Structure formats: C-alpha cells, structure tokens
Amino acid sequence: MADLSLEIWVSHFSLFAEHLNENVLSPYPHSHQVYTIPKRLRVYFKFNRKLNHLLYRAAWNAWDECIKDSLPECETGSVMALHTAGDLLNFHPHIHAICLHAGINSRAEFFEMPSVDNEYLQRIFARNVFSFLKDKGLLSDDDITLMKSWSHSGFNVFEVDPLKCPKCGGEMKIKAFLQDQKEITRLAQHLGVIPWRAPPPLNQSFPQAA
C-alpha cells in the first residue's frame, strides 16, 4: 500500500486531458460553454455544497434537450467541471463544459449540430435550476415568477474560446505554462494586470492505493 502523491494525482488529470484533446475532442465539432446562475440563488449553494450536483444536472439536461430538439433519437456527450469562484475570487458557482455539437443514433450514425441557440439553451438551463430548487423547497412559485419578470434573470449560457484574441479576433497559440511566482508577477506587471497569487499547495492525505 502506498500513498497517492500529489504528482500522481495531477498526472492522472493531465493524462485524461491529453486523451480528451487528442482522441475525443479534436476530430469532432465541440465548444467550451459556461453556465452561470444569478446572485439571488448562489447563497443556497454556498451554505449547502451538496446542492452542487444540481448545477451539473441542470446544465447537462439543458444541453441534452437542445441536441435532441434538433437531432431526435440521438445521444450526445459533454465533459463538465464545477468552478466555485469568479475572476475576483468571489463565491460564484458555475459550470464549464466541453460540449459535443453532434449526436449518434442507435444505428451508430453520426450527425453534426447545425447551430446552437444560446438564448434557448439559457432558458432551458434556467427552467431546470428553478425546478430543482423548487423540488428542494428552496423556491416557491412566487419566487420563480418574480425572477422571471426581471429584465435580466442573471442566468447566462455563453461560449468561450480562450485562444481567440479579444482585440483582433485572430487565433492565439499557447507558448508556455508559467508556474514560477516571480515570473508570473514580472509578466503581470509588464502587461498591467493583477498578479494573482497561486493557490497554496494542498496539505492533505490522499486515498490509499494498492
């Protein structure tokens, strides 16, 4: 029996990411999507982290329904991850998802999704979140009706391309990953951005493995 070291733990995720990129994503149309909820609802997830799985379900069910509306009898796929902090490190639970823009039917036929209506996807996501929180007794019909009357409900679903230049729209390339805090600070100062400190190392025991 041996402790799983942090290096092994991280390497498993690195191998999964490499497999996902080279063998799963690259040959097929996909996008990076972000699913966010309004501030009015974040408090429920802040003080009861067991509710976090509802965000996964709401996002996945929305994407699955969106695909099936355009490609009936087809199954799709997605890889999702929950983030609990925003750009300013405030509590902001949201879902990042790599979504397949296609579906496969029972005859193993592959069909691409012609386009994605993000506003429609956002409405389905909001409906799912409202339904799940109502089932948990956290929202009433009046609460839901009131939030739906807002000019902007606070729900949002949008696509992100991290390699698209925000200035010219051209494609960027990753040159290197910086891990040295001094180099990060120096580069951030040169670019005029805030040099956020990297999170502290994990100080915990990992599961045992044979």
N, C-alpha and C. Protein backbone atom coordinates (compact mmCIF):
# COMPACT_ATOMS: atom_id res chain seq x y z
N MET A 1 0.85 -1.19 0.00
CA MET A 1 0.00 0.00 0.00
C MET A 1 0.89 1.25 0.00
N ALA A 2 0.52 2.23 -0.77
CA ALA A 2 1.32 3.46 -0.82
C ALA A 2 0.39 4.63 -1.00
N ASP A 3 0.81 5.78 -0.43
CA ASP A 3 0.02 6.99 -0.59
C ASP A 3 0.11 7.48 -2.02
N LEU A 4 -1.02 7.91 -2.55
CA LEU A 4 -1.00 8.56 -3.86
C LEU A 4 -0.46 9.96 -3.67
N SER A 5 0.68 10.26 -4.25
CA SER A 5 1.28 11.57 -4.12
C SER A 5 0.53 12.59 -4.97
N LEU A 6 0.76 13.85 -4.67
CA LEU A 6 0.13 14.91 -5.45
C LEU A 6 0.52 14.81 -6.91
N GLU A 7 1.80 14.42 -7.18
CA GLU A 7 2.26 14.32 -8.55
C GLU A 7 1.47 13.26 -9.33
N ILE A 8 1.21 12.13 -8.69
CA ILE A 8 0.44 11.08 -9.36
C ILE A 8 -1.00 11.53 -9.58
N TRP A 9 -1.54 12.20 -8.55
CA TRP A 9 -2.92 12.70 -8.64
C TRP A 9 -3.06 13.66 -9.80
N VAL A 10 -2.10 14.59 -9.93
CA VAL A 10 -2.14 15.56 -11.01
C VAL A 10 -1.89 14.90 -12.36
N SER A 11 -0.99 13.91 -12.38
CA SER A 11 -0.67 13.26 -13.66
C SER A 11 -1.87 12.53 -14.23
N HIS A 12 -2.73 11.98 -13.36
CA HIS A 12 -3.94 11.32 -13.85
C HIS A 12 -4.83 12.30 -14.60
N PHE A 13 -4.96 13.51 -14.06
CA PHE A 13 -5.77 14.52 -14.72
C PHE A 13 -5.11 15.00 -16.01
N SER A 14 -3.77 15.08 -16.00
CA SER A 14 -3.06 15.51 -17.21
C SER A 14 -3.23 14.49 -18.32
N LEU A 15 -3.13 13.21 -17.97
CA LEU A 15 -3.31 12.16 -18.97
C LEU A 15 -4.73 12.16 -19.51
N PHE A 16 -5.70 12.37 -18.62
CA PHE A 16 -7.09 12.43 -19.06
C PHE A 16 -7.30 13.60 -20.02
N ALA A 17 -6.72 14.77 -19.68
CA ALA A 17 -6.85 15.94 -20.53
C ALA A 17 -6.22 15.71 -21.89
N GLU A 18 -5.05 15.06 -21.90
CA GLU A 18 -4.38 14.77 -23.16
C GLU A 18 -5.20 13.81 -24.01
N HIS A 19 -5.73 12.77 -23.37
CA HIS A 19 -6.58 11.81 -24.09
C HIS A 19 -7.82 12.51 -24.64
N LEU A 20 -8.43 13.37 -23.81
CA LEU A 20 -9.63 14.07 -24.22
C LEU A 20 -9.36 14.94 -25.43
N ASN A 21 -8.23 15.63 -25.43
CA ASN A 21 -7.89 16.56 -26.51
C ASN A 21 -7.54 15.82 -27.79
N GLU A 22 -6.72 14.79 -27.69
CA GLU A 22 -6.19 14.15 -28.89
C GLU A 22 -7.11 13.07 -29.46
N ASN A 23 -7.85 12.37 -28.61
CA ASN A 23 -8.62 11.22 -29.08
C ASN A 23 -10.13 11.42 -29.08
N VAL A 24 -10.60 12.40 -28.30
CA VAL A 24 -12.04 12.57 -28.18
C VAL A 24 -12.52 13.86 -28.85
N LEU A 25 -11.86 14.98 -28.54
CA LEU A 25 -12.37 16.27 -28.99
C LEU A 25 -11.94 16.65 -30.41
N SER A 26 -10.66 16.50 -30.69
CA SER A 26 -10.10 17.06 -31.92
C SER A 26 -10.85 16.68 -33.20
N PRO A 27 -11.25 15.41 -33.36
CA PRO A 27 -11.89 15.06 -34.65
C PRO A 27 -13.32 15.57 -34.80
N TYR A 28 -13.92 16.06 -33.71
CA TYR A 28 -15.35 16.35 -33.74
C TYR A 28 -15.65 17.79 -33.36
N PRO A 29 -16.77 18.34 -33.87
CA PRO A 29 -17.13 19.73 -33.54
C PRO A 29 -17.54 19.84 -32.07
N HIS A 30 -17.00 20.80 -31.37
CA HIS A 30 -17.31 20.99 -29.96
C HIS A 30 -17.07 22.44 -29.57
N SER A 31 -17.54 22.81 -28.40
CA SER A 31 -17.34 24.18 -27.91
C SER A 31 -17.16 24.16 -26.40
N HIS A 32 -16.56 25.23 -25.91
CA HIS A 32 -16.40 25.44 -24.47
C HIS A 32 -17.52 26.37 -24.03
N GLN A 33 -18.42 25.88 -23.18
CA GLN A 33 -19.56 26.66 -22.74
C GLN A 33 -19.48 26.92 -21.24
N VAL A 34 -20.08 28.04 -20.81
CA VAL A 34 -20.14 28.40 -19.39
C VAL A 34 -21.60 28.63 -19.01
N TYR A 35 -22.01 28.00 -17.92
CA TYR A 35 -23.38 28.12 -17.41
C TYR A 35 -23.34 28.83 -16.06
N THR A 36 -23.98 30.01 -15.94
CA THR A 36 -23.94 30.77 -14.70
C THR A 36 -25.35 30.98 -14.16
N ILE A 37 -25.40 31.24 -12.85
CA ILE A 37 -26.70 31.46 -12.18
C ILE A 37 -26.68 32.84 -11.52
N PRO A 38 -27.85 33.41 -11.22
CA PRO A 38 -27.92 34.75 -10.61
C PRO A 38 -27.45 34.74 -9.16
N LYS A 39 -27.03 35.93 -8.70
CA LYS A 39 -26.57 36.08 -7.31
C LYS A 39 -27.66 35.68 -6.33
N ARG A 40 -28.90 35.90 -6.70
CA ARG A 40 -30.03 35.59 -5.83
C ARG A 40 -30.04 34.11 -5.40
N LEU A 41 -29.48 33.24 -6.23
CA LEU A 41 -29.52 31.81 -5.96
C LEU A 41 -28.20 31.24 -5.42
N ARG A 42 -27.13 32.01 -5.50
CA ARG A 42 -25.82 31.47 -5.13
C ARG A 42 -25.74 31.11 -3.65
N VAL A 43 -26.49 31.82 -2.81
CA VAL A 43 -26.41 31.58 -1.37
C VAL A 43 -26.80 30.15 -1.02
N TYR A 44 -27.74 29.56 -1.76
CA TYR A 44 -28.15 28.19 -1.47
C TYR A 44 -26.99 27.22 -1.65
N PHE A 45 -26.17 27.47 -2.67
CA PHE A 45 -25.05 26.58 -2.95
C PHE A 45 -23.86 26.87 -2.03
N LYS A 46 -23.78 28.10 -1.54
CA LYS A 46 -22.66 28.47 -0.66
C LYS A 46 -22.75 27.75 0.67
N PHE A 47 -23.95 27.62 1.21
CA PHE A 47 -24.12 27.04 2.53
C PHE A 47 -24.59 25.59 2.50
N ASN A 48 -24.76 25.05 1.31
CA ASN A 48 -25.09 23.63 1.18
C ASN A 48 -24.44 23.10 -0.09
N ARG A 49 -23.19 22.67 0.05
CA ARG A 49 -22.45 22.23 -1.13
C ARG A 49 -23.00 20.93 -1.72
N LYS A 50 -23.85 20.24 -0.98
CA LYS A 50 -24.47 19.03 -1.52
C LYS A 50 -25.42 19.35 -2.67
N LEU A 51 -25.77 20.64 -2.83
CA LEU A 51 -26.64 21.03 -3.93
C LEU A 51 -25.88 21.22 -5.24
N ASN A 52 -24.55 21.18 -5.18
CA ASN A 52 -23.76 21.47 -6.38
C ASN A 52 -24.09 20.52 -7.54
N HIS A 53 -24.45 19.27 -7.21
CA HIS A 53 -24.75 18.33 -8.29
C HIS A 53 -25.95 18.78 -9.11
N LEU A 54 -26.81 19.64 -8.52
CA LEU A 54 -27.97 20.13 -9.27
C LEU A 54 -27.55 21.00 -10.45
N LEU A 55 -26.43 21.71 -10.30
CA LEU A 55 -25.94 22.54 -11.41
C LEU A 55 -25.47 21.67 -12.56
N TYR A 56 -24.79 20.56 -12.23
CA TYR A 56 -24.40 19.62 -13.28
C TYR A 56 -25.63 19.09 -14.01
N ARG A 57 -26.62 18.67 -13.25
CA ARG A 57 -27.83 18.10 -13.85
C ARG A 57 -28.55 19.13 -14.71
N ALA A 58 -28.65 20.36 -14.20
CA ALA A 58 -29.36 21.41 -14.94
C ALA A 58 -28.66 21.71 -16.27
N ALA A 59 -27.32 21.80 -16.23
CA ALA A 59 -26.55 22.10 -17.44
C ALA A 59 -26.61 20.93 -18.42
N TRP A 60 -26.38 19.71 -17.91
CA TRP A 60 -26.38 18.56 -18.81
C TRP A 60 -27.75 18.35 -19.43
N ASN A 61 -28.81 18.40 -18.62
CA ASN A 61 -30.16 18.20 -19.15
C ASN A 61 -30.51 19.25 -20.20
N ALA A 62 -30.02 20.48 -19.99
CA ALA A 62 -30.28 21.55 -20.97
C ALA A 62 -29.60 21.24 -22.29
N TRP A 63 -28.33 20.83 -22.22
CA TRP A 63 -27.59 20.54 -23.45
C TRP A 63 -28.18 19.31 -24.16
N ASP A 64 -28.51 18.29 -23.39
CA ASP A 64 -29.08 17.07 -23.96
C ASP A 64 -30.41 17.38 -24.65
N GLU A 65 -31.25 18.20 -24.02
CA GLU A 65 -32.54 18.56 -24.61
C GLU A 65 -32.34 19.39 -25.87
N CYS A 66 -31.37 20.30 -25.84
CA CYS A 66 -31.08 21.14 -27.02
C CYS A 66 -30.67 20.28 -28.20
N ILE A 67 -29.84 19.28 -27.96
CA ILE A 67 -29.41 18.38 -29.04
C ILE A 67 -30.59 17.57 -29.57
N LYS A 68 -31.39 17.02 -28.65
CA LYS A 68 -32.50 16.17 -29.07
C LYS A 68 -33.58 16.95 -29.82
N ASP A 69 -33.70 18.26 -29.55
CA ASP A 69 -34.66 19.07 -30.30
C ASP A 69 -34.28 19.14 -31.78
N SER A 70 -32.98 19.19 -32.06
CA SER A 70 -32.51 19.28 -33.44
C SER A 70 -32.20 17.91 -34.04
N LEU A 71 -31.76 16.99 -33.18
CA LEU A 71 -31.38 15.66 -33.65
C LEU A 71 -32.13 14.60 -32.84
N PRO A 72 -33.41 14.39 -33.13
CA PRO A 72 -34.22 13.42 -32.37
C PRO A 72 -33.60 12.02 -32.40
N GLU A 73 -33.75 11.32 -31.30
CA GLU A 73 -33.27 9.94 -31.16
C GLU A 73 -31.76 9.84 -31.18
N CYS A 74 -31.07 10.95 -30.98
CA CYS A 74 -29.61 10.93 -30.94
C CYS A 74 -29.12 11.18 -29.52
N GLU A 75 -27.98 10.58 -29.20
CA GLU A 75 -27.32 10.80 -27.92
C GLU A 75 -26.08 11.66 -28.15
N THR A 76 -25.81 12.57 -27.22
CA THR A 76 -24.66 13.45 -27.34
C THR A 76 -23.72 13.23 -26.15
N GLY A 77 -22.77 14.12 -25.97
CA GLY A 77 -21.82 13.96 -24.87
C GLY A 77 -21.28 15.30 -24.41
N SER A 78 -20.76 15.31 -23.20
CA SER A 78 -20.19 16.54 -22.65
C SER A 78 -19.29 16.19 -21.47
N VAL A 79 -18.26 16.99 -21.26
CA VAL A 79 -17.41 16.91 -20.07
C VAL A 79 -17.60 18.20 -19.31
N MET A 80 -18.01 18.11 -18.03
CA MET A 80 -18.33 19.30 -17.25
C MET A 80 -17.50 19.39 -15.98
N ALA A 81 -17.22 20.62 -15.57
CA ALA A 81 -16.49 20.86 -14.33
C ALA A 81 -17.11 22.04 -13.60
N LEU A 82 -17.21 21.93 -12.30
CA LEU A 82 -17.79 22.99 -11.48
C LEU A 82 -16.70 23.91 -10.97
N HIS A 83 -16.86 25.22 -11.19
CA HIS A 83 -15.98 26.23 -10.60
C HIS A 83 -16.79 27.00 -9.57
N THR A 84 -16.19 27.28 -8.43
CA THR A 84 -16.94 27.97 -7.37
C THR A 84 -16.45 29.39 -7.12
N ALA A 85 -15.53 29.89 -7.93
CA ALA A 85 -15.03 31.26 -7.76
C ALA A 85 -15.03 31.99 -9.09
N GLY A 86 -15.28 33.30 -9.03
CA GLY A 86 -15.24 34.12 -10.22
C GLY A 86 -13.87 34.74 -10.41
N ASP A 87 -13.76 35.69 -11.36
CA ASP A 87 -12.49 36.35 -11.64
C ASP A 87 -11.93 37.08 -10.43
N LEU A 88 -12.81 37.58 -9.56
CA LEU A 88 -12.38 38.34 -8.39
C LEU A 88 -12.30 37.45 -7.15
N LEU A 89 -12.34 36.13 -7.36
CA LEU A 89 -12.26 35.14 -6.29
C LEU A 89 -13.44 35.21 -5.34
N ASN A 90 -14.55 35.80 -5.79
CA ASN A 90 -15.78 35.78 -5.01
C ASN A 90 -16.50 34.46 -5.24
N PHE A 91 -17.41 34.10 -4.32
CA PHE A 91 -18.14 32.85 -4.49
C PHE A 91 -19.10 32.98 -5.67
N HIS A 92 -18.88 32.17 -6.66
CA HIS A 92 -19.64 32.28 -7.92
C HIS A 92 -19.69 30.90 -8.58
N PRO A 93 -20.58 30.02 -8.11
CA PRO A 93 -20.63 28.67 -8.68
C PRO A 93 -21.13 28.69 -10.12
N HIS A 94 -20.39 28.05 -11.01
CA HIS A 94 -20.79 27.99 -12.41
C HIS A 94 -20.17 26.75 -13.04
N ILE A 95 -20.73 26.35 -14.15
CA ILE A 95 -20.30 25.14 -14.84
C ILE A 95 -19.52 25.50 -16.10
N HIS A 96 -18.34 24.89 -16.25
CA HIS A 96 -17.61 24.93 -17.51
C HIS A 96 -17.83 23.58 -18.20
N ALA A 97 -18.16 23.61 -19.48
CA ALA A 97 -18.49 22.38 -20.19
C ALA A 97 -17.86 22.35 -21.58
N ILE A 98 -17.32 21.20 -21.93
CA ILE A 98 -16.91 20.93 -23.31
C ILE A 98 -18.02 20.09 -23.92
N CYS A 99 -18.75 20.65 -24.86
CA CYS A 99 -19.95 20.01 -25.39
C CYS A 99 -19.77 19.59 -26.84
N LEU A 100 -20.19 18.38 -27.13
CA LEU A 100 -20.15 17.84 -28.49
C LEU A 100 -21.30 18.40 -29.30
N HIS A 101 -21.00 19.04 -30.42
CA HIS A 101 -22.03 19.60 -31.30
C HIS A 101 -22.48 18.54 -32.30
N ALA A 102 -22.93 17.43 -31.76
CA ALA A 102 -23.33 16.33 -32.63
C ALA A 102 -24.06 15.29 -31.80
N GLY A 103 -24.60 14.29 -32.49
CA GLY A 103 -25.28 13.20 -31.82
C GLY A 103 -25.13 11.92 -32.60
N ILE A 104 -25.30 10.78 -31.92
CA ILE A 104 -25.20 9.47 -32.54
C ILE A 104 -26.49 8.71 -32.26
N ASN A 105 -27.09 8.14 -33.30
CA ASN A 105 -28.34 7.41 -33.10
C ASN A 105 -28.06 5.93 -32.83
N SER A 106 -29.13 5.15 -32.67
CA SER A 106 -28.99 3.74 -32.32
C SER A 106 -28.34 2.91 -33.42
N ARG A 107 -28.27 3.47 -34.64
CA ARG A 107 -27.62 2.77 -35.76
C ARG A 107 -26.18 3.21 -35.94
N ALA A 108 -25.67 3.92 -34.93
CA ALA A 108 -24.29 4.40 -34.94
C ALA A 108 -24.02 5.41 -36.04
N GLU A 109 -25.07 6.13 -36.45
CA GLU A 109 -24.91 7.19 -37.45
C GLU A 109 -24.62 8.51 -36.74
N PHE A 110 -23.67 9.23 -37.28
CA PHE A 110 -23.19 10.47 -36.66
C PHE A 110 -23.77 11.67 -37.39
N PHE A 111 -24.37 12.59 -36.61
CA PHE A 111 -24.96 13.80 -37.19
C PHE A 111 -24.43 15.03 -36.46
N GLU A 112 -23.98 16.01 -37.23
CA GLU A 112 -23.49 17.24 -36.62
C GLU A 112 -24.65 18.19 -36.34
N MET A 113 -24.50 18.98 -35.27
CA MET A 113 -25.48 20.01 -34.90
C MET A 113 -25.24 21.22 -35.80
N PRO A 114 -26.24 21.65 -36.56
CA PRO A 114 -26.03 22.76 -37.49
C PRO A 114 -25.68 24.07 -36.79
N SER A 115 -26.33 24.35 -35.66
CA SER A 115 -26.05 25.59 -34.92
C SER A 115 -26.63 25.45 -33.52
N VAL A 116 -26.20 26.35 -32.62
CA VAL A 116 -26.66 26.32 -31.23
C VAL A 116 -27.27 27.68 -30.89
N ASP A 117 -28.49 27.67 -30.41
CA ASP A 117 -29.17 28.88 -29.97
C ASP A 117 -28.91 29.04 -28.48
N ASN A 118 -27.94 29.89 -28.12
CA ASN A 118 -27.56 30.03 -26.71
C ASN A 118 -28.69 30.61 -25.86
N GLU A 119 -29.52 31.46 -26.44
CA GLU A 119 -30.63 32.02 -25.67
C GLU A 119 -31.64 30.93 -25.32
N TYR A 120 -31.89 30.05 -26.26
CA TYR A 120 -32.79 28.92 -26.00
C TYR A 120 -32.18 27.99 -24.94
N LEU A 121 -30.90 27.72 -25.08
CA LEU A 121 -30.19 26.88 -24.12
C LEU A 121 -30.24 27.50 -22.73
N GLN A 122 -30.10 28.81 -22.67
CA GLN A 122 -30.14 29.52 -21.39
C GLN A 122 -31.51 29.39 -20.72
N ARG A 123 -32.57 29.47 -21.51
CA ARG A 123 -33.93 29.33 -20.95
C ARG A 123 -34.15 27.94 -20.38
N ILE A 124 -33.65 26.92 -21.07
CA ILE A 124 -33.81 25.55 -20.57
C ILE A 124 -33.01 25.37 -19.27
N PHE A 125 -31.80 25.90 -19.25
CA PHE A 125 -30.96 25.80 -18.06
C PHE A 125 -31.64 26.47 -16.87
N ALA A 126 -32.17 27.68 -17.08
CA ALA A 126 -32.86 28.40 -16.00
C ALA A 126 -34.07 27.61 -15.51
N ARG A 127 -34.83 27.07 -16.46
CA ARG A 127 -36.00 26.28 -16.08
C ARG A 127 -35.61 25.09 -15.21
N ASN A 128 -34.52 24.43 -15.57
CA ASN A 128 -34.07 23.27 -14.81
C ASN A 128 -33.64 23.66 -13.40
N VAL A 129 -32.88 24.75 -13.28
CA VAL A 129 -32.42 25.19 -11.96
C VAL A 129 -33.63 25.55 -11.09
N PHE A 130 -34.55 26.31 -11.64
CA PHE A 130 -35.76 26.67 -10.89
C PHE A 130 -36.49 25.40 -10.42
N SER A 131 -36.65 24.44 -11.30
CA SER A 131 -37.38 23.22 -10.97
C SER A 131 -36.70 22.44 -9.86
N PHE A 132 -35.37 22.30 -9.93
CA PHE A 132 -34.64 21.54 -8.91
C PHE A 132 -34.71 22.23 -7.55
N LEU A 133 -34.55 23.56 -7.52
CA LEU A 133 -34.59 24.28 -6.25
C LEU A 133 -36.00 24.31 -5.67
N LYS A 134 -37.00 24.32 -6.53
CA LYS A 134 -38.38 24.24 -6.05
C LYS A 134 -38.64 22.88 -5.42
N ASP A 135 -38.13 21.82 -6.05
CA ASP A 135 -38.31 20.47 -5.51
C ASP A 135 -37.63 20.32 -4.14
N LYS A 136 -36.57 21.10 -3.91
CA LYS A 136 -35.86 21.06 -2.63
C LYS A 136 -36.52 21.96 -1.59
N GLY A 137 -37.59 22.65 -1.98
CA GLY A 137 -38.29 23.53 -1.05
C GLY A 137 -37.59 24.86 -0.82
N LEU A 138 -36.68 25.24 -1.71
CA LEU A 138 -35.91 26.47 -1.55
C LEU A 138 -36.53 27.64 -2.30
N LEU A 139 -37.34 27.37 -3.29
CA LEU A 139 -38.01 28.41 -4.06
C LEU A 139 -39.50 28.10 -4.15
N SER A 140 -40.31 29.15 -4.11
CA SER A 140 -41.75 29.00 -4.29
C SER A 140 -42.11 29.41 -5.72
N ASP A 141 -43.34 29.15 -6.11
CA ASP A 141 -43.81 29.59 -7.43
C ASP A 141 -43.74 31.11 -7.55
N ASP A 142 -44.04 31.82 -6.45
CA ASP A 142 -43.97 33.28 -6.46
C ASP A 142 -42.54 33.76 -6.67
N ASP A 143 -41.57 33.08 -6.03
CA ASP A 143 -40.16 33.44 -6.21
C ASP A 143 -39.76 33.29 -7.67
N ILE A 144 -40.16 32.19 -8.27
CA ILE A 144 -39.79 31.91 -9.65
C ILE A 144 -40.44 32.91 -10.60
N THR A 145 -41.71 33.19 -10.37
CA THR A 145 -42.42 34.16 -11.21
C THR A 145 -41.77 35.54 -11.13
N LEU A 146 -41.38 35.93 -9.91
CA LEU A 146 -40.73 37.23 -9.73
C LEU A 146 -39.41 37.29 -10.48
N MET A 147 -38.59 36.25 -10.37
CA MET A 147 -37.29 36.25 -11.04
C MET A 147 -37.44 36.22 -12.55
N LYS A 148 -38.46 35.55 -13.04
CA LYS A 148 -38.69 35.52 -14.48
C LYS A 148 -39.12 36.88 -15.02
N SER A 149 -39.63 37.75 -14.13
CA SER A 149 -40.09 39.07 -14.56
C SER A 149 -38.94 40.07 -14.66
N TRP A 150 -37.77 39.71 -14.14
CA TRP A 150 -36.63 40.63 -14.21
C TRP A 150 -36.22 40.84 -15.66
N SER A 151 -35.70 42.03 -15.95
CA SER A 151 -35.25 42.31 -17.31
C SER A 151 -34.09 41.38 -17.68
N HIS A 152 -33.27 41.03 -16.71
CA HIS A 152 -32.24 40.01 -16.92
C HIS A 152 -32.24 39.12 -15.69
N SER A 153 -32.55 37.85 -15.87
CA SER A 153 -32.72 36.94 -14.74
C SER A 153 -31.42 36.64 -14.01
N GLY A 154 -30.28 36.89 -14.64
CA GLY A 154 -29.00 36.55 -14.03
C GLY A 154 -28.46 35.23 -14.53
N PHE A 155 -29.31 34.45 -15.21
CA PHE A 155 -28.83 33.22 -15.84
C PHE A 155 -28.09 33.60 -17.13
N ASN A 156 -27.08 32.82 -17.44
CA ASN A 156 -26.35 33.08 -18.68
C ASN A 156 -25.69 31.79 -19.16
N VAL A 157 -25.73 31.58 -20.45
CA VAL A 157 -25.01 30.49 -21.09
C VAL A 157 -24.29 31.09 -22.29
N PHE A 158 -22.99 30.94 -22.32
CA PHE A 158 -22.23 31.53 -23.42
C PHE A 158 -21.05 30.65 -23.77
N GLU A 159 -20.57 30.79 -25.00
CA GLU A 159 -19.43 30.03 -25.47
C GLU A 159 -18.15 30.83 -25.27
N VAL A 160 -17.08 30.13 -24.94
CA VAL A 160 -15.79 30.76 -24.68
C VAL A 160 -14.74 30.13 -25.58
N ASP A 161 -13.95 30.97 -26.22
CA ASP A 161 -12.80 30.49 -26.99
C ASP A 161 -11.55 31.13 -26.38
N PRO A 162 -10.85 30.43 -25.48
CA PRO A 162 -9.71 31.03 -24.79
C PRO A 162 -8.54 31.37 -25.70
N LEU A 163 -8.53 30.83 -26.91
CA LEU A 163 -7.43 31.10 -27.84
C LEU A 163 -7.82 32.12 -28.91
N LYS A 164 -8.94 32.81 -28.70
CA LYS A 164 -9.33 33.87 -29.63
C LYS A 164 -8.90 35.21 -29.07
N CYS A 165 -8.15 35.97 -29.84
CA CYS A 165 -7.65 37.26 -29.39
C CYS A 165 -8.82 38.23 -29.19
N PRO A 166 -8.94 38.83 -28.00
CA PRO A 166 -10.05 39.75 -27.75
C PRO A 166 -9.94 41.06 -28.52
N LYS A 167 -8.75 41.35 -29.08
CA LYS A 167 -8.54 42.61 -29.80
C LYS A 167 -8.79 42.47 -31.30
N CYS A 168 -8.17 41.45 -31.90
CA CYS A 168 -8.28 41.33 -33.36
C CYS A 168 -9.14 40.16 -33.80
N GLY A 169 -9.45 39.25 -32.87
CA GLY A 169 -10.25 38.09 -33.22
C GLY A 169 -9.46 36.96 -33.84
N GLY A 170 -8.14 37.13 -33.94
CA GLY A 170 -7.30 36.09 -34.52
C GLY A 170 -7.05 34.94 -33.56
N GLU A 171 -6.48 33.86 -34.08
CA GLU A 171 -6.21 32.69 -33.26
C GLU A 171 -4.87 32.83 -32.55
N MET A 172 -4.88 32.61 -31.24
CA MET A 172 -3.65 32.66 -30.45
C MET A 172 -3.15 31.24 -30.20
N LYS A 173 -1.89 31.12 -29.81
CA LYS A 173 -1.29 29.82 -29.51
C LYS A 173 -0.65 29.87 -28.12
N ILE A 174 -0.69 28.73 -27.43
CA ILE A 174 -0.06 28.62 -26.13
C ILE A 174 1.43 28.39 -26.32
N LYS A 175 2.25 29.29 -25.79
CA LYS A 175 3.69 29.18 -25.92
C LYS A 175 4.31 28.41 -24.75
N ALA A 176 3.79 28.66 -23.54
CA ALA A 176 4.35 28.00 -22.35
C ALA A 176 3.41 28.20 -21.18
N PHE A 177 3.60 27.36 -20.15
CA PHE A 177 2.86 27.49 -18.91
C PHE A 177 3.82 28.00 -17.84
N LEU A 178 3.48 29.15 -17.25
CA LEU A 178 4.32 29.73 -16.20
C LEU A 178 3.86 29.26 -14.84
N GLN A 179 4.80 28.74 -14.03
CA GLN A 179 4.48 28.28 -12.69
C GLN A 179 5.30 28.99 -11.62
N ASP A 180 6.38 29.63 -12.02
CA ASP A 180 7.21 30.36 -11.07
C ASP A 180 6.53 31.69 -10.71
N GLN A 181 6.28 31.91 -9.41
CA GLN A 181 5.53 33.10 -8.99
C GLN A 181 6.25 34.39 -9.36
N LYS A 182 7.58 34.41 -9.31
CA LYS A 182 8.33 35.62 -9.67
C LYS A 182 8.13 35.97 -11.15
N GLU A 183 8.15 34.94 -12.00
CA GLU A 183 7.95 35.18 -13.43
C GLU A 183 6.52 35.63 -13.72
N ILE A 184 5.57 35.04 -13.00
CA ILE A 184 4.17 35.44 -13.16
C ILE A 184 3.98 36.90 -12.78
N THR A 185 4.58 37.30 -11.65
CA THR A 185 4.47 38.69 -11.18
C THR A 185 5.12 39.65 -12.17
N ARG A 186 6.29 39.29 -12.66
CA ARG A 186 7.01 40.15 -13.61
C ARG A 186 6.21 40.34 -14.89
N LEU A 187 5.64 39.24 -15.41
CA LEU A 187 4.87 39.32 -16.65
C LEU A 187 3.58 40.11 -16.42
N ALA A 188 2.93 39.89 -15.27
CA ALA A 188 1.68 40.60 -14.97
C ALA A 188 1.93 42.10 -14.86
N GLN A 189 3.04 42.49 -14.23
CA GLN A 189 3.37 43.91 -14.12
C GLN A 189 3.63 44.51 -15.49
N HIS A 190 4.28 43.76 -16.35
CA HIS A 190 4.57 44.24 -17.71
C HIS A 190 3.28 44.45 -18.50
N LEU A 191 2.29 43.55 -18.28
CA LEU A 191 1.02 43.64 -19.00
C LEU A 191 0.02 44.56 -18.32
N GLY A 192 0.36 44.99 -17.08
CA GLY A 192 -0.54 45.88 -16.37
C GLY A 192 -1.77 45.19 -15.81
N VAL A 193 -1.62 43.91 -15.45
CA VAL A 193 -2.73 43.17 -14.86
C VAL A 193 -2.36 42.76 -13.44
N ILE A 194 -3.38 42.36 -12.67
CA ILE A 194 -3.15 42.00 -11.27
C ILE A 194 -2.48 40.63 -11.20
N PRO A 195 -1.34 40.53 -10.53
CA PRO A 195 -0.62 39.25 -10.43
C PRO A 195 -1.20 38.38 -9.32
N TRP A 196 -2.32 37.74 -9.58
CA TRP A 196 -2.94 36.92 -8.55
C TRP A 196 -1.98 35.84 -8.08
N ARG A 197 -1.93 35.67 -6.75
CA ARG A 197 -1.07 34.65 -6.17
C ARG A 197 -1.65 33.27 -6.44
N ALA A 198 -0.77 32.34 -6.77
CA ALA A 198 -1.23 30.97 -6.99
C ALA A 198 -1.76 30.39 -5.69
N PRO A 199 -2.72 29.46 -5.76
CA PRO A 199 -3.24 28.87 -4.53
C PRO A 199 -2.16 28.10 -3.80
N PRO A 200 -2.24 28.00 -2.47
CA PRO A 200 -1.22 27.29 -1.69
C PRO A 200 -1.23 25.81 -2.02
N PRO A 201 -0.12 25.11 -1.80
CA PRO A 201 -0.07 23.67 -2.07
C PRO A 201 -1.08 22.92 -1.21
N LEU A 202 -1.59 21.83 -1.74
CA LEU A 202 -2.52 21.01 -0.98
C LEU A 202 -1.78 20.34 0.17
N ASN A 203 -2.34 20.42 1.34
CA ASN A 203 -1.74 19.81 2.52
C ASN A 203 -2.71 18.80 3.09
N GLN A 204 -2.78 17.67 2.46
CA GLN A 204 -3.74 16.66 2.89
C GLN A 204 -3.28 15.28 2.45
N SER A 205 -3.84 14.26 3.03
CA SER A 205 -3.52 12.90 2.66
C SER A 205 -4.44 12.46 1.53
N PHE A 206 -3.90 11.70 0.62
CA PHE A 206 -4.67 11.21 -0.50
C PHE A 206 -5.07 9.76 -0.27
N PRO A 207 -6.07 9.29 -0.97
CA PRO A 207 -6.53 7.91 -0.77
C PRO A 207 -5.44 6.89 -0.96
N GLN A 208 -5.57 5.77 -0.31
CA GLN A 208 -4.62 4.69 -0.43
C GLN A 208 -4.88 3.90 -1.71
N ALA A 209 -3.83 3.42 -2.29
CA ALA A 209 -3.96 2.59 -3.48
C ALA A 209 -3.00 1.43 -3.39
N ALA A 210 -3.40 0.31 -3.91
CA ALA A 210 -2.55 -0.87 -3.87
C ALA A 210 -1.41 -0.73 -4.85
